[in-house]
Amino acid sequence: ENLLPYYKNNLVGVLKVVEALNKYQIKNI
């Protein structure tokens, strides 16, 4: 039950943040 939420929130969430960093040229995290 908690396997997918970990991937969705802890991994996919970071992926989407990284995409936004690149798109908007934010250079620090």
mmCIF file of all heavy atoms, coordinates in Angstrom:
data_MODEL
# 
_entry.id   MODEL 
# 
loop_
_atom_site.group_PDB 
_atom_site.id 
_atom_site.type_symbol 
_atom_site.label_atom_id 
_atom_site.label_alt_id 
_atom_site.label_comp_id 
_atom_site.label_asym_id 
_atom_site.label_entity_id 
_atom_site.label_seq_id 
_atom_site.pdbx_PDB_ins_code 
_atom_site.Cartn_x 
_atom_site.Cartn_y 
_atom_site.Cartn_z 
_atom_site.occupancy 
_atom_site.B_iso_or_equiv 
_atom_site.pdbx_formal_charge 
_atom_site.auth_seq_id 
_atom_site.auth_comp_id 
_atom_site.auth_asym_id 
_atom_site.auth_atom_id 
_atom_site.pdbx_PDB_model_num 
ATOM 1   N N   . GLU A 1 1  ? 0.808  -1.210 0.000   1.00 0.00 ? 1  GLU A N   1 
ATOM 2   C CA  . GLU A 1 1  ? 0.000  0.000  0.000   1.00 0.00 ? 1  GLU A CA  1 
ATOM 3   C C   . GLU A 1 1  ? 0.847  1.268  0.000   1.00 0.00 ? 1  GLU A C   1 
ATOM 4   O O   . GLU A 1 1  ? 0.432  2.305  -0.522  1.00 0.00 ? 1  GLU A O   1 
ATOM 5   C CB  . GLU A 1 1  ? -0.946 0.007  1.216   1.00 0.00 ? 1  GLU A CB  1 
ATOM 6   C CG  . GLU A 1 1  ? -2.120 -0.964 1.118   1.00 0.00 ? 1  GLU A CG  1 
ATOM 7   C CD  . GLU A 1 1  ? -1.686 -2.421 1.314   1.00 0.00 ? 1  GLU A CD  1 
ATOM 8   O OE1 . GLU A 1 1  ? -0.608 -2.648 1.908   1.00 0.00 ? 1  GLU A OE1 1 
ATOM 9   O OE2 . GLU A 1 1  ? -2.424 -3.317 0.871   1.00 0.00 ? 1  GLU A OE2 1 
ATOM 10  N N   . ASN A 1 2  ? 2.038  1.224  0.615   1.00 0.00 ? 2  ASN A N   1 
ATOM 11  C CA  . ASN A 1 2  ? 2.834  2.447  0.647   1.00 0.00 ? 2  ASN A CA  1 
ATOM 12  C C   . ASN A 1 2  ? 3.993  2.448  -0.341  1.00 0.00 ? 2  ASN A C   1 
ATOM 13  O O   . ASN A 1 2  ? 4.734  3.418  -0.429  1.00 0.00 ? 2  ASN A O   1 
ATOM 14  C CB  . ASN A 1 2  ? 3.347  2.739  2.074   1.00 0.00 ? 2  ASN A CB  1 
ATOM 15  C CG  . ASN A 1 2  ? 4.303  1.659  2.578   1.00 0.00 ? 2  ASN A CG  1 
ATOM 16  O OD1 . ASN A 1 2  ? 5.234  1.248  1.886   1.00 0.00 ? 2  ASN A OD1 1 
ATOM 17  N ND2 . ASN A 1 2  ? 4.085  1.205  3.802   1.00 0.00 ? 2  ASN A ND2 1 
ATOM 18  N N   . LEU A 1 3  ? 4.143  1.369  -1.117  1.00 0.00 ? 3  LEU A N   1 
ATOM 19  C CA  . LEU A 1 3  ? 5.225  1.290  -2.092  1.00 0.00 ? 3  LEU A CA  1 
ATOM 20  C C   . LEU A 1 3  ? 5.093  2.370  -3.164  1.00 0.00 ? 3  LEU A C   1 
ATOM 21  O O   . LEU A 1 3  ? 6.011  3.157  -3.398  1.00 0.00 ? 3  LEU A O   1 
ATOM 22  C CB  . LEU A 1 3  ? 5.245  -0.096 -2.741  1.00 0.00 ? 3  LEU A CB  1 
ATOM 23  C CG  . LEU A 1 3  ? 6.253  -0.303 -3.880  1.00 0.00 ? 3  LEU A CG  1 
ATOM 24  C CD1 . LEU A 1 3  ? 7.678  -0.166 -3.356  1.00 0.00 ? 3  LEU A CD1 1 
ATOM 25  C CD2 . LEU A 1 3  ? 6.048  -1.672 -4.528  1.00 0.00 ? 3  LEU A CD2 1 
ATOM 26  N N   . LEU A 1 4  ? 3.944  2.435  -3.822  1.00 0.00 ? 4  LEU A N   1 
ATOM 27  C CA  . LEU A 1 4  ? 3.752  3.400  -4.898  1.00 0.00 ? 4  LEU A CA  1 
ATOM 28  C C   . LEU A 1 4  ? 3.786  4.845  -4.423  1.00 0.00 ? 4  LEU A C   1 
ATOM 29  O O   . LEU A 1 4  ? 4.381  5.700  -5.079  1.00 0.00 ? 4  LEU A O   1 
ATOM 30  C CB  . LEU A 1 4  ? 2.454  3.099  -5.653  1.00 0.00 ? 4  LEU A CB  1 
ATOM 31  C CG  . LEU A 1 4  ? 2.480  1.866  -6.558  1.00 0.00 ? 4  LEU A CG  1 
ATOM 32  C CD1 . LEU A 1 4  ? 1.137  1.689  -7.250  1.00 0.00 ? 4  LEU A CD1 1 
ATOM 33  C CD2 . LEU A 1 4  ? 3.591  1.965  -7.594  1.00 0.00 ? 4  LEU A CD2 1 
ATOM 34  N N   . PRO A 1 5  ? 3.172  5.177  -3.277  1.00 0.00 ? 5  PRO A N   1 
ATOM 35  C CA  . PRO A 1 5  ? 3.286  6.557  -2.799  1.00 0.00 ? 5  PRO A CA  1 
ATOM 36  C C   . PRO A 1 5  ? 4.718  7.016  -2.597  1.00 0.00 ? 5  PRO A C   1 
ATOM 37  O O   . PRO A 1 5  ? 5.052  8.176  -2.887  1.00 0.00 ? 5  PRO A O   1 
ATOM 38  C CB  . PRO A 1 5  ? 2.511  6.538  -1.477  1.00 0.00 ? 5  PRO A CB  1 
ATOM 39  C CG  . PRO A 1 5  ? 1.496  5.463  -1.661  1.00 0.00 ? 5  PRO A CG  1 
ATOM 40  C CD  . PRO A 1 5  ? 2.191  4.418  -2.481  1.00 0.00 ? 5  PRO A CD  1 
ATOM 41  N N   . TYR A 1 6  ? 5.596  6.126  -2.123  1.00 0.00 ? 6  TYR A N   1 
ATOM 42  C CA  . TYR A 1 6  ? 6.995  6.512  -1.968  1.00 0.00 ? 6  TYR A CA  1 
ATOM 43  C C   . TYR A 1 6  ? 7.605  6.888  -3.321  1.00 0.00 ? 6  TYR A C   1 
ATOM 44  O O   . TYR A 1 6  ? 8.313  7.888  -3.437  1.00 0.00 ? 6  TYR A O   1 
ATOM 45  C CB  . TYR A 1 6  ? 7.805  5.371  -1.336  1.00 0.00 ? 6  TYR A CB  1 
ATOM 46  C CG  . TYR A 1 6  ? 7.773  5.364  0.181   1.00 0.00 ? 6  TYR A CG  1 
ATOM 47  C CD1 . TYR A 1 6  ? 7.518  4.195  0.880   1.00 0.00 ? 6  TYR A CD1 1 
ATOM 48  C CD2 . TYR A 1 6  ? 8.010  6.524  0.910   1.00 0.00 ? 6  TYR A CD2 1 
ATOM 49  C CE1 . TYR A 1 6  ? 7.501  4.182  2.264   1.00 0.00 ? 6  TYR A CE1 1 
ATOM 50  C CE2 . TYR A 1 6  ? 7.989  6.522  2.287   1.00 0.00 ? 6  TYR A CE2 1 
ATOM 51  C CZ  . TYR A 1 6  ? 7.737  5.351  2.966   1.00 0.00 ? 6  TYR A CZ  1 
ATOM 52  O OH  . TYR A 1 6  ? 7.717  5.332  4.337   1.00 0.00 ? 6  TYR A OH  1 
ATOM 53  N N   . TYR A 1 7  ? 7.350  6.071  -4.330  1.00 0.00 ? 7  TYR A N   1 
ATOM 54  C CA  . TYR A 1 7  ? 7.889  6.381  -5.651  1.00 0.00 ? 7  TYR A CA  1 
ATOM 55  C C   . TYR A 1 7  ? 7.265  7.655  -6.215  1.00 0.00 ? 7  TYR A C   1 
ATOM 56  O O   . TYR A 1 7  ? 7.963  8.510  -6.770  1.00 0.00 ? 7  TYR A O   1 
ATOM 57  C CB  . TYR A 1 7  ? 7.654  5.212  -6.603  1.00 0.00 ? 7  TYR A CB  1 
ATOM 58  C CG  . TYR A 1 7  ? 8.686  4.118  -6.490  1.00 0.00 ? 7  TYR A CG  1 
ATOM 59  C CD1 . TYR A 1 7  ? 8.389  2.918  -5.876  1.00 0.00 ? 7  TYR A CD1 1 
ATOM 60  C CD2 . TYR A 1 7  ? 9.974  4.303  -6.996  1.00 0.00 ? 7  TYR A CD2 1 
ATOM 61  C CE1 . TYR A 1 7  ? 9.344  1.909  -5.762  1.00 0.00 ? 7  TYR A CE1 1 
ATOM 62  C CE2 . TYR A 1 7  ? 10.929 3.309  -6.888  1.00 0.00 ? 7  TYR A CE2 1 
ATOM 63  C CZ  . TYR A 1 7  ? 10.607 2.114  -6.271  1.00 0.00 ? 7  TYR A CZ  1 
ATOM 64  O OH  . TYR A 1 7  ? 11.565 1.134  -6.159  1.00 0.00 ? 7  TYR A OH  1 
ATOM 65  N N   . LYS A 1 8  ? 5.950  7.802  -6.070  1.00 0.00 ? 8  LYS A N   1 
ATOM 66  C CA  . LYS A 1 8  ? 5.268  8.959  -6.636  1.00 0.00 ? 8  LYS A CA  1 
ATOM 67  C C   . LYS A 1 8  ? 5.707  10.258 -5.972  1.00 0.00 ? 8  LYS A C   1 
ATOM 68  O O   . LYS A 1 8  ? 5.917  11.270 -6.639  1.00 0.00 ? 8  LYS A O   1 
ATOM 69  C CB  . LYS A 1 8  ? 3.751  8.794  -6.487  1.00 0.00 ? 8  LYS A CB  1 
ATOM 70  C CG  . LYS A 1 8  ? 3.148  7.730  -7.393  1.00 0.00 ? 8  LYS A CG  1 
ATOM 71  C CD  . LYS A 1 8  ? 1.644  7.625  -7.164  1.00 0.00 ? 8  LYS A CD  1 
ATOM 72  C CE  . LYS A 1 8  ? 1.012  6.583  -8.070  1.00 0.00 ? 8  LYS A CE  1 
ATOM 73  N NZ  . LYS A 1 8  ? -0.444 6.449  -7.810  1.00 0.00 ? 8  LYS A NZ  1 
ATOM 74  N N   . ASN A 1 9  ? 5.837  10.249 -4.653  1.00 0.00 ? 9  ASN A N   1 
ATOM 75  C CA  . ASN A 1 9  ? 6.113  11.478 -3.925  1.00 0.00 ? 9  ASN A CA  1 
ATOM 76  C C   . ASN A 1 9  ? 7.610  11.740 -3.755  1.00 0.00 ? 9  ASN A C   1 
ATOM 77  O O   . ASN A 1 9  ? 8.075  12.866 -3.914  1.00 0.00 ? 9  ASN A O   1 
ATOM 78  C CB  . ASN A 1 9  ? 5.437  11.444 -2.554  1.00 0.00 ? 9  ASN A CB  1 
ATOM 79  C CG  . ASN A 1 9  ? 3.935  11.375 -2.670  1.00 0.00 ? 9  ASN A CG  1 
ATOM 80  O OD1 . ASN A 1 9  ? 3.345  11.917 -3.596  1.00 0.00 ? 9  ASN A OD1 1 
ATOM 81  N ND2 . ASN A 1 9  ? 3.288  10.693 -1.736  1.00 0.00 ? 9  ASN A ND2 1 
ATOM 82  N N   . ASN A 1 10 ? 8.372  10.698 -3.417  1.00 0.00 ? 10 ASN A N   1 
ATOM 83  C CA  . ASN A 1 10 ? 9.782  10.911 -3.099  1.00 0.00 ? 10 ASN A CA  1 
ATOM 84  C C   . ASN A 1 10 ? 10.686 10.890 -4.318  1.00 0.00 ? 10 ASN A C   1 
ATOM 85  O O   . ASN A 1 10 ? 11.781 11.439 -4.268  1.00 0.00 ? 10 ASN A O   1 
ATOM 86  C CB  . ASN A 1 10 ? 10.262 9.855  -2.096  1.00 0.00 ? 10 ASN A CB  1 
ATOM 87  C CG  . ASN A 1 10 ? 9.548  9.946  -0.764  1.00 0.00 ? 10 ASN A CG  1 
ATOM 88  O OD1 . ASN A 1 10 ? 8.631  10.731 -0.604  1.00 0.00 ? 10 ASN A OD1 1 
ATOM 89  N ND2 . ASN A 1 10 ? 9.965  9.153  0.199   1.00 0.00 ? 10 ASN A ND2 1 
ATOM 90  N N   . LEU A 1 11 ? 10.240 10.256 -5.404  1.00 0.00 ? 11 LEU A N   1 
ATOM 91  C CA  . LEU A 1 11 ? 11.070 10.183 -6.594  1.00 0.00 ? 11 LEU A CA  1 
ATOM 92  C C   . LEU A 1 11 ? 10.486 11.002 -7.740  1.00 0.00 ? 11 LEU A C   1 
ATOM 93  O O   . LEU A 1 11 ? 11.158 11.870 -8.302  1.00 0.00 ? 11 LEU A O   1 
ATOM 94  C CB  . LEU A 1 11 ? 11.268 8.730  -7.023  1.00 0.00 ? 11 LEU A CB  1 
ATOM 95  C CG  . LEU A 1 11 ? 12.290 8.504  -8.138  1.00 0.00 ? 11 LEU A CG  1 
ATOM 96  C CD1 . LEU A 1 11 ? 13.658 9.062  -7.765  1.00 0.00 ? 11 LEU A CD1 1 
ATOM 97  C CD2 . LEU A 1 11 ? 12.393 7.014  -8.466  1.00 0.00 ? 11 LEU A CD2 1 
ATOM 98  N N   . VAL A 1 12 ? 9.222  10.747 -8.083  1.00 0.00 ? 12 VAL A N   1 
ATOM 99  C CA  . VAL A 1 12 ? 8.599  11.509 -9.175  1.00 0.00 ? 12 VAL A CA  1 
ATOM 100 C C   . VAL A 1 12 ? 8.546  12.993 -8.812  1.00 0.00 ? 12 VAL A C   1 
ATOM 101 O O   . VAL A 1 12 ? 8.766  13.870 -9.662  1.00 0.00 ? 12 VAL A O   1 
ATOM 102 C CB  . VAL A 1 12 ? 7.197  10.967 -9.486  1.00 0.00 ? 12 VAL A CB  1 
ATOM 103 C CG1 . VAL A 1 12 ? 6.502  11.845 -10.532 1.00 0.00 ? 12 VAL A CG1 1 
ATOM 104 C CG2 . VAL A 1 12 ? 7.278  9.528  -9.975  1.00 0.00 ? 12 VAL A CG2 1 
ATOM 105 N N   . GLY A 1 13 ? 8.292  13.289 -7.530  1.00 0.00 ? 13 GLY A N   1 
ATOM 106 C CA  . GLY A 1 13 ? 8.274  14.678 -7.096  1.00 0.00 ? 13 GLY A CA  1 
ATOM 107 C C   . GLY A 1 13 ? 9.588  15.377 -7.372  1.00 0.00 ? 13 GLY A C   1 
ATOM 108 O O   . GLY A 1 13 ? 9.619  16.517 -7.864  1.00 0.00 ? 13 GLY A O   1 
ATOM 109 N N   . VAL A 1 14 ? 10.704 14.704 -7.091  1.00 0.00 ? 14 VAL A N   1 
ATOM 110 C CA  . VAL A 1 14 ? 12.020 15.290 -7.352  1.00 0.00 ? 14 VAL A CA  1 
ATOM 111 C C   . VAL A 1 14 ? 12.245 15.456 -8.850  1.00 0.00 ? 14 VAL A C   1 
ATOM 112 O O   . VAL A 1 14 ? 12.803 16.458 -9.304  1.00 0.00 ? 14 VAL A O   1 
ATOM 113 C CB  . VAL A 1 14 ? 13.131 14.427 -6.722  1.00 0.00 ? 14 VAL A CB  1 
ATOM 114 C CG1 . VAL A 1 14 ? 14.513 14.943 -7.106  1.00 0.00 ? 14 VAL A CG1 1 
ATOM 115 C CG2 . VAL A 1 14 ? 12.991 14.416 -5.207  1.00 0.00 ? 14 VAL A CG2 1 
ATOM 116 N N   . LEU A 1 15 ? 11.814 14.478 -9.637  1.00 0.00 ? 15 LEU A N   1 
ATOM 117 C CA  . LEU A 1 15 ? 11.951 14.569 -11.087 1.00 0.00 ? 15 LEU A CA  1 
ATOM 118 C C   . LEU A 1 15 ? 11.256 15.816 -11.620 1.00 0.00 ? 15 LEU A C   1 
ATOM 119 O O   . LEU A 1 15 ? 11.804 16.545 -12.462 1.00 0.00 ? 15 LEU A O   1 
ATOM 120 C CB  . LEU A 1 15 ? 11.373 13.313 -11.738 1.00 0.00 ? 15 LEU A CB  1 
ATOM 121 C CG  . LEU A 1 15 ? 11.330 13.305 -13.265 1.00 0.00 ? 15 LEU A CG  1 
ATOM 122 C CD1 . LEU A 1 15 ? 12.724 13.414 -13.855 1.00 0.00 ? 15 LEU A CD1 1 
ATOM 123 C CD2 . LEU A 1 15 ? 10.622 12.039 -13.775 1.00 0.00 ? 15 LEU A CD2 1 
ATOM 124 N N   . LYS A 1 16 ? 10.051 16.090 -11.132 1.00 0.00 ? 16 LYS A N   1 
ATOM 125 C CA  . LYS A 1 16 ? 9.304  17.258 -11.603 1.00 0.00 ? 16 LYS A CA  1 
ATOM 126 C C   . LYS A 1 16 ? 9.958  18.564 -11.151 1.00 0.00 ? 16 LYS A C   1 
ATOM 127 O O   . LYS A 1 16 ? 9.954  19.564 -11.885 1.00 0.00 ? 16 LYS A O   1 
ATOM 128 C CB  . LYS A 1 16 ? 7.856  17.182 -11.119 1.00 0.00 ? 16 LYS A CB  1 
ATOM 129 C CG  . LYS A 1 16 ? 7.088  15.987 -11.675 1.00 0.00 ? 16 LYS A CG  1 
ATOM 130 C CD  . LYS A 1 16 ? 7.097  15.986 -13.203 1.00 0.00 ? 16 LYS A CD  1 
ATOM 131 C CE  . LYS A 1 16 ? 6.376  14.787 -13.784 1.00 0.00 ? 16 LYS A CE  1 
ATOM 132 N NZ  . LYS A 1 16 ? 6.435  14.757 -15.268 1.00 0.00 ? 16 LYS A NZ  1 
ATOM 133 N N   . VAL A 1 17 ? 10.538 18.548 -9.957  1.00 0.00 ? 17 VAL A N   1 
ATOM 134 C CA  . VAL A 1 17 ? 11.267 19.732 -9.496  1.00 0.00 ? 17 VAL A CA  1 
ATOM 135 C C   . VAL A 1 17 ? 12.479 19.980 -10.386 1.00 0.00 ? 17 VAL A C   1 
ATOM 136 O O   . VAL A 1 17 ? 12.759 21.118 -10.792 1.00 0.00 ? 17 VAL A O   1 
ATOM 137 C CB  . VAL A 1 17 ? 11.693 19.564 -8.025  1.00 0.00 ? 17 VAL A CB  1 
ATOM 138 C CG1 . VAL A 1 17 ? 12.659 20.681 -7.614  1.00 0.00 ? 17 VAL A CG1 1 
ATOM 139 C CG2 . VAL A 1 17 ? 10.474 19.574 -7.106  1.00 0.00 ? 17 VAL A CG2 1 
ATOM 140 N N   . VAL A 1 18 ? 13.203 18.918 -10.711 1.00 0.00 ? 18 VAL A N   1 
ATOM 141 C CA  . VAL A 1 18 ? 14.386 19.040 -11.571 1.00 0.00 ? 18 VAL A CA  1 
ATOM 142 C C   . VAL A 1 18 ? 14.004 19.586 -12.939 1.00 0.00 ? 18 VAL A C   1 
ATOM 143 O O   . VAL A 1 18 ? 14.699 20.455 -13.492 1.00 0.00 ? 18 VAL A O   1 
ATOM 144 C CB  . VAL A 1 18 ? 15.092 17.674 -11.697 1.00 0.00 ? 18 VAL A CB  1 
ATOM 145 C CG1 . VAL A 1 18 ? 16.095 17.685 -12.843 1.00 0.00 ? 18 VAL A CG1 1 
ATOM 146 C CG2 . VAL A 1 18 ? 15.797 17.322 -10.390 1.00 0.00 ? 18 VAL A CG2 1 
ATOM 147 N N   . GLU A 1 19 ? 12.912 19.101 -13.502 1.00 0.00 ? 19 GLU A N   1 
ATOM 148 C CA  . GLU A 1 19 ? 12.459 19.602 -14.795 1.00 0.00 ? 19 GLU A CA  1 
ATOM 149 C C   . GLU A 1 19 ? 12.167 21.098 -14.730 1.00 0.00 ? 19 GLU A C   1 
ATOM 150 O O   . GLU A 1 19 ? 12.497 21.855 -15.655 1.00 0.00 ? 19 GLU A O   1 
ATOM 151 C CB  . GLU A 1 19 ? 11.213 18.836 -15.245 1.00 0.00 ? 19 GLU A CB  1 
ATOM 152 C CG  . GLU A 1 19 ? 11.498 17.394 -15.640 1.00 0.00 ? 19 GLU A CG  1 
ATOM 153 C CD  . GLU A 1 19 ? 10.232 16.632 -16.013 1.00 0.00 ? 19 GLU A CD  1 
ATOM 154 O OE1 . GLU A 1 19 ? 9.129  17.119 -15.679 1.00 0.00 ? 19 GLU A OE1 1 
ATOM 155 O OE2 . GLU A 1 19 ? 10.352 15.557 -16.615 1.00 0.00 ? 19 GLU A OE2 1 
ATOM 156 N N   . ALA A 1 20 ? 11.563 21.530 -13.607 1.00 0.00 ? 20 ALA A N   1 
ATOM 157 C CA  . ALA A 1 20 ? 11.257 22.954 -13.449 1.00 0.00 ? 20 ALA A CA  1 
ATOM 158 C C   . ALA A 1 20 ? 12.532 23.776 -13.275 1.00 0.00 ? 20 ALA A C   1 
ATOM 159 O O   . ALA A 1 20 ? 12.640 24.886 -13.812 1.00 0.00 ? 20 ALA A O   1 
ATOM 160 C CB  . ALA A 1 20 ? 10.326 23.156 -12.252 1.00 0.00 ? 20 ALA A CB  1 
ATOM 161 N N   . LEU A 1 21 ? 13.499 23.240 -12.543 1.00 0.00 ? 21 LEU A N   1 
ATOM 162 C CA  . LEU A 1 21 ? 14.770 23.937 -12.379 1.00 0.00 ? 21 LEU A CA  1 
ATOM 163 C C   . LEU A 1 21 ? 15.413 24.202 -13.736 1.00 0.00 ? 21 LEU A C   1 
ATOM 164 O O   . LEU A 1 21 ? 15.901 25.313 -14.016 1.00 0.00 ? 21 LEU A O   1 
ATOM 165 C CB  . LEU A 1 21 ? 15.722 23.111 -11.514 1.00 0.00 ? 21 LEU A CB  1 
ATOM 166 C CG  . LEU A 1 21 ? 15.382 22.934 -10.033 1.00 0.00 ? 21 LEU A CG  1 
ATOM 167 C CD1 . LEU A 1 21 ? 16.367 21.966 -9.382  1.00 0.00 ? 21 LEU A CD1 1 
ATOM 168 C CD2 . LEU A 1 21 ? 15.386 24.252 -9.293  1.00 0.00 ? 21 LEU A CD2 1 
ATOM 169 N N   . ASN A 1 22 ? 15.414 23.197 -14.575 1.00 0.00 ? 22 ASN A N   1 
ATOM 170 C CA  . ASN A 1 22 ? 16.017 23.344 -15.898 1.00 0.00 ? 22 ASN A CA  1 
ATOM 171 C C   . ASN A 1 22 ? 15.209 24.307 -16.772 1.00 0.00 ? 22 ASN A C   1 
ATOM 172 O O   . ASN A 1 22 ? 15.778 25.185 -17.429 1.00 0.00 ? 22 ASN A O   1 
ATOM 173 C CB  . ASN A 1 22 ? 16.112 21.982 -16.575 1.00 0.00 ? 22 ASN A CB  1 
ATOM 174 C CG  . ASN A 1 22 ? 16.782 22.044 -17.925 1.00 0.00 ? 22 ASN A CG  1 
ATOM 175 O OD1 . ASN A 1 22 ? 17.853 22.642 -18.077 1.00 0.00 ? 22 ASN A OD1 1 
ATOM 176 N ND2 . ASN A 1 22 ? 16.175 21.427 -18.930 1.00 0.00 ? 22 ASN A ND2 1 
ATOM 177 N N   . LYS A 1 23 ? 13.902 24.165 -16.745 1.00 0.00 ? 23 LYS A N   1 
ATOM 178 C CA  . LYS A 1 23 ? 13.040 25.001 -17.587 1.00 0.00 ? 23 LYS A CA  1 
ATOM 179 C C   . LYS A 1 23 ? 13.184 26.476 -17.248 1.00 0.00 ? 23 LYS A C   1 
ATOM 180 O O   . LYS A 1 23 ? 13.254 27.329 -18.143 1.00 0.00 ? 23 LYS A O   1 
ATOM 181 C CB  . LYS A 1 23 ? 11.583 24.558 -17.437 1.00 0.00 ? 23 LYS A CB  1 
ATOM 182 C CG  . LYS A 1 23 ? 10.596 25.371 -18.263 1.00 0.00 ? 23 LYS A CG  1 
ATOM 183 C CD  . LYS A 1 23 ? 9.173  24.829 -18.102 1.00 0.00 ? 23 LYS A CD  1 
ATOM 184 C CE  . LYS A 1 23 ? 8.178  25.638 -18.923 1.00 0.00 ? 23 LYS A CE  1 
ATOM 185 N NZ  . LYS A 1 23 ? 6.793  25.098 -18.785 1.00 0.00 ? 23 LYS A NZ  1 
ATOM 186 N N   . TYR A 1 24 ? 13.232 26.781 -15.954 1.00 0.00 ? 24 TYR A N   1 
ATOM 187 C CA  . TYR A 1 24 ? 13.251 28.179 -15.523 1.00 0.00 ? 24 TYR A CA  1 
ATOM 188 C C   . TYR A 1 24 ? 14.637 28.653 -15.093 1.00 0.00 ? 24 TYR A C   1 
ATOM 189 O O   . TYR A 1 24 ? 14.771 29.720 -14.494 1.00 0.00 ? 24 TYR A O   1 
ATOM 190 C CB  . TYR A 1 24 ? 12.229 28.383 -14.395 1.00 0.00 ? 24 TYR A CB  1 
ATOM 191 C CG  . TYR A 1 24 ? 10.811 28.270 -14.902 1.00 0.00 ? 24 TYR A CG  1 
ATOM 192 C CD1 . TYR A 1 24 ? 10.086 27.084 -14.743 1.00 0.00 ? 24 TYR A CD1 1 
ATOM 193 C CD2 . TYR A 1 24 ? 10.210 29.324 -15.577 1.00 0.00 ? 24 TYR A CD2 1 
ATOM 194 C CE1 . TYR A 1 24 ? 8.790  26.975 -15.225 1.00 0.00 ? 24 TYR A CE1 1 
ATOM 195 C CE2 . TYR A 1 24 ? 8.913  29.224 -16.053 1.00 0.00 ? 24 TYR A CE2 1 
ATOM 196 C CZ  . TYR A 1 24 ? 8.211  28.045 -15.883 1.00 0.00 ? 24 TYR A CZ  1 
ATOM 197 O OH  . TYR A 1 24 ? 6.930  27.934 -16.372 1.00 0.00 ? 24 TYR A OH  1 
ATOM 198 N N   . GLN A 1 25 ? 15.661 27.858 -15.418 1.00 0.00 ? 25 GLN A N   1 
ATOM 199 C CA  . GLN A 1 25 ? 17.059 28.244 -15.174 1.00 0.00 ? 25 GLN A CA  1 
ATOM 200 C C   . GLN A 1 25 ? 17.309 28.630 -13.708 1.00 0.00 ? 25 GLN A C   1 
ATOM 201 O O   . GLN A 1 25 ? 17.955 29.633 -13.410 1.00 0.00 ? 25 GLN A O   1 
ATOM 202 C CB  . GLN A 1 25 ? 17.459 29.375 -16.102 1.00 0.00 ? 25 GLN A CB  1 
ATOM 203 C CG  . GLN A 1 25 ? 17.538 28.960 -17.569 1.00 0.00 ? 25 GLN A CG  1 
ATOM 204 C CD  . GLN A 1 25 ? 18.629 27.896 -17.794 1.00 0.00 ? 25 GLN A CD  1 
ATOM 205 O OE1 . GLN A 1 25 ? 19.811 28.176 -17.697 1.00 0.00 ? 25 GLN A OE1 1 
ATOM 206 N NE2 . GLN A 1 25 ? 18.200 26.664 -18.072 1.00 0.00 ? 25 GLN A NE2 1 
ATOM 207 N N   . ILE A 1 26 ? 16.769 27.814 -12.815 1.00 0.00 ? 26 ILE A N   1 
ATOM 208 C CA  . ILE A 1 26 ? 17.034 27.964 -11.379 1.00 0.00 ? 26 ILE A CA  1 
ATOM 209 C C   . ILE A 1 26 ? 18.227 27.075 -11.056 1.00 0.00 ? 26 ILE A C   1 
ATOM 210 O O   . ILE A 1 26 ? 18.190 25.866 -11.289 1.00 0.00 ? 26 ILE A O   1 
ATOM 211 C CB  . ILE A 1 26 ? 15.803 27.558 -10.544 1.00 0.00 ? 26 ILE A CB  1 
ATOM 212 C CG1 . ILE A 1 26 ? 14.596 28.402 -10.943 1.00 0.00 ? 26 ILE A CG1 1 
ATOM 213 C CG2 . ILE A 1 26 ? 16.101 27.702 -9.052  1.00 0.00 ? 26 ILE A CG2 1 
ATOM 214 C CD1 . ILE A 1 26 ? 13.278 27.893 -10.392 1.00 0.00 ? 26 ILE A CD1 1 
ATOM 215 N N   . LYS A 1 27 ? 19.280 27.641 -10.511 1.00 0.00 ? 27 LYS A N   1 
ATOM 216 C CA  . LYS A 1 27 ? 20.567 26.940 -10.446 1.00 0.00 ? 27 LYS A CA  1 
ATOM 217 C C   . LYS A 1 27 ? 20.948 26.419 -9.060  1.00 0.00 ? 27 LYS A C   1 
ATOM 218 O O   . LYS A 1 27 ? 22.073 25.943 -8.885  1.00 0.00 ? 27 LYS A O   1 
ATOM 219 C CB  . LYS A 1 27 ? 21.679 27.866 -10.945 1.00 0.00 ? 27 LYS A CB  1 
ATOM 220 C CG  . LYS A 1 27 ? 21.569 28.206 -12.427 1.00 0.00 ? 27 LYS A CG  1 
ATOM 221 C CD  . LYS A 1 27 ? 21.676 26.950 -13.290 1.00 0.00 ? 27 LYS A CD  1 
ATOM 222 C CE  . LYS A 1 27 ? 21.675 27.271 -14.770 1.00 0.00 ? 27 LYS A CE  1 
ATOM 223 N NZ  . LYS A 1 27 ? 21.794 26.047 -15.603 1.00 0.00 ? 27 LYS A NZ  1 
ATOM 224 N N   . ASN A 1 28 ? 20.032 26.496 -8.080  1.00 0.00 ? 28 ASN A N   1 
ATOM 225 C CA  . ASN A 1 28 ? 20.405 26.093 -6.725  1.00 0.00 ? 28 ASN A CA  1 
ATOM 226 C C   . ASN A 1 28 ? 19.278 25.312 -6.061  1.00 0.00 ? 28 ASN A C   1 
ATOM 227 O O   . ASN A 1 28 ? 18.141 25.792 -6.005  1.00 0.00 ? 28 ASN A O   1 
ATOM 228 C CB  . ASN A 1 28 ? 20.723 27.329 -5.872  1.00 0.00 ? 28 ASN A CB  1 
ATOM 229 C CG  . ASN A 1 28 ? 21.794 28.206 -6.491  1.00 0.00 ? 28 ASN A CG  1 
ATOM 230 O OD1 . ASN A 1 28 ? 22.972 27.879 -6.462  1.00 0.00 ? 28 ASN A OD1 1 
ATOM 231 N ND2 . ASN A 1 28 ? 21.371 29.331 -7.084  1.00 0.00 ? 28 ASN A ND2 1 
ATOM 232 N N   . ILE A 1 29 ? 19.602 24.121 -5.539  1.00 0.00 ? 29 ILE A N   1 
ATOM 233 C CA  . ILE A 1 29 ? 18.620 23.331 -4.806  1.00 0.00 ? 29 ILE A CA  1 
ATOM 234 C C   . ILE A 1 29 ? 19.276 22.644 -3.615  1.00 0.00 ? 29 ILE A C   1 
ATOM 235 O O   . ILE A 1 29 ? 20.364 22.079 -3.724  1.00 0.00 ? 29 ILE A O   1 
ATOM 236 C CB  . ILE A 1 29 ? 17.924 22.286 -5.707  1.00 0.00 ? 29 ILE A CB  1 
ATOM 237 C CG1 . ILE A 1 29 ? 16.885 21.492 -4.884  1.00 0.00 ? 29 ILE A CG1 1 
ATOM 238 C CG2 . ILE A 1 29 ? 18.918 21.361 -6.389  1.00 0.00 ? 29 ILE A CG2 1 
ATOM 239 C CD1 . ILE A 1 29 ? 15.970 20.613 -5.726  1.00 0.00 ? 29 ILE A CD1 1 
# 
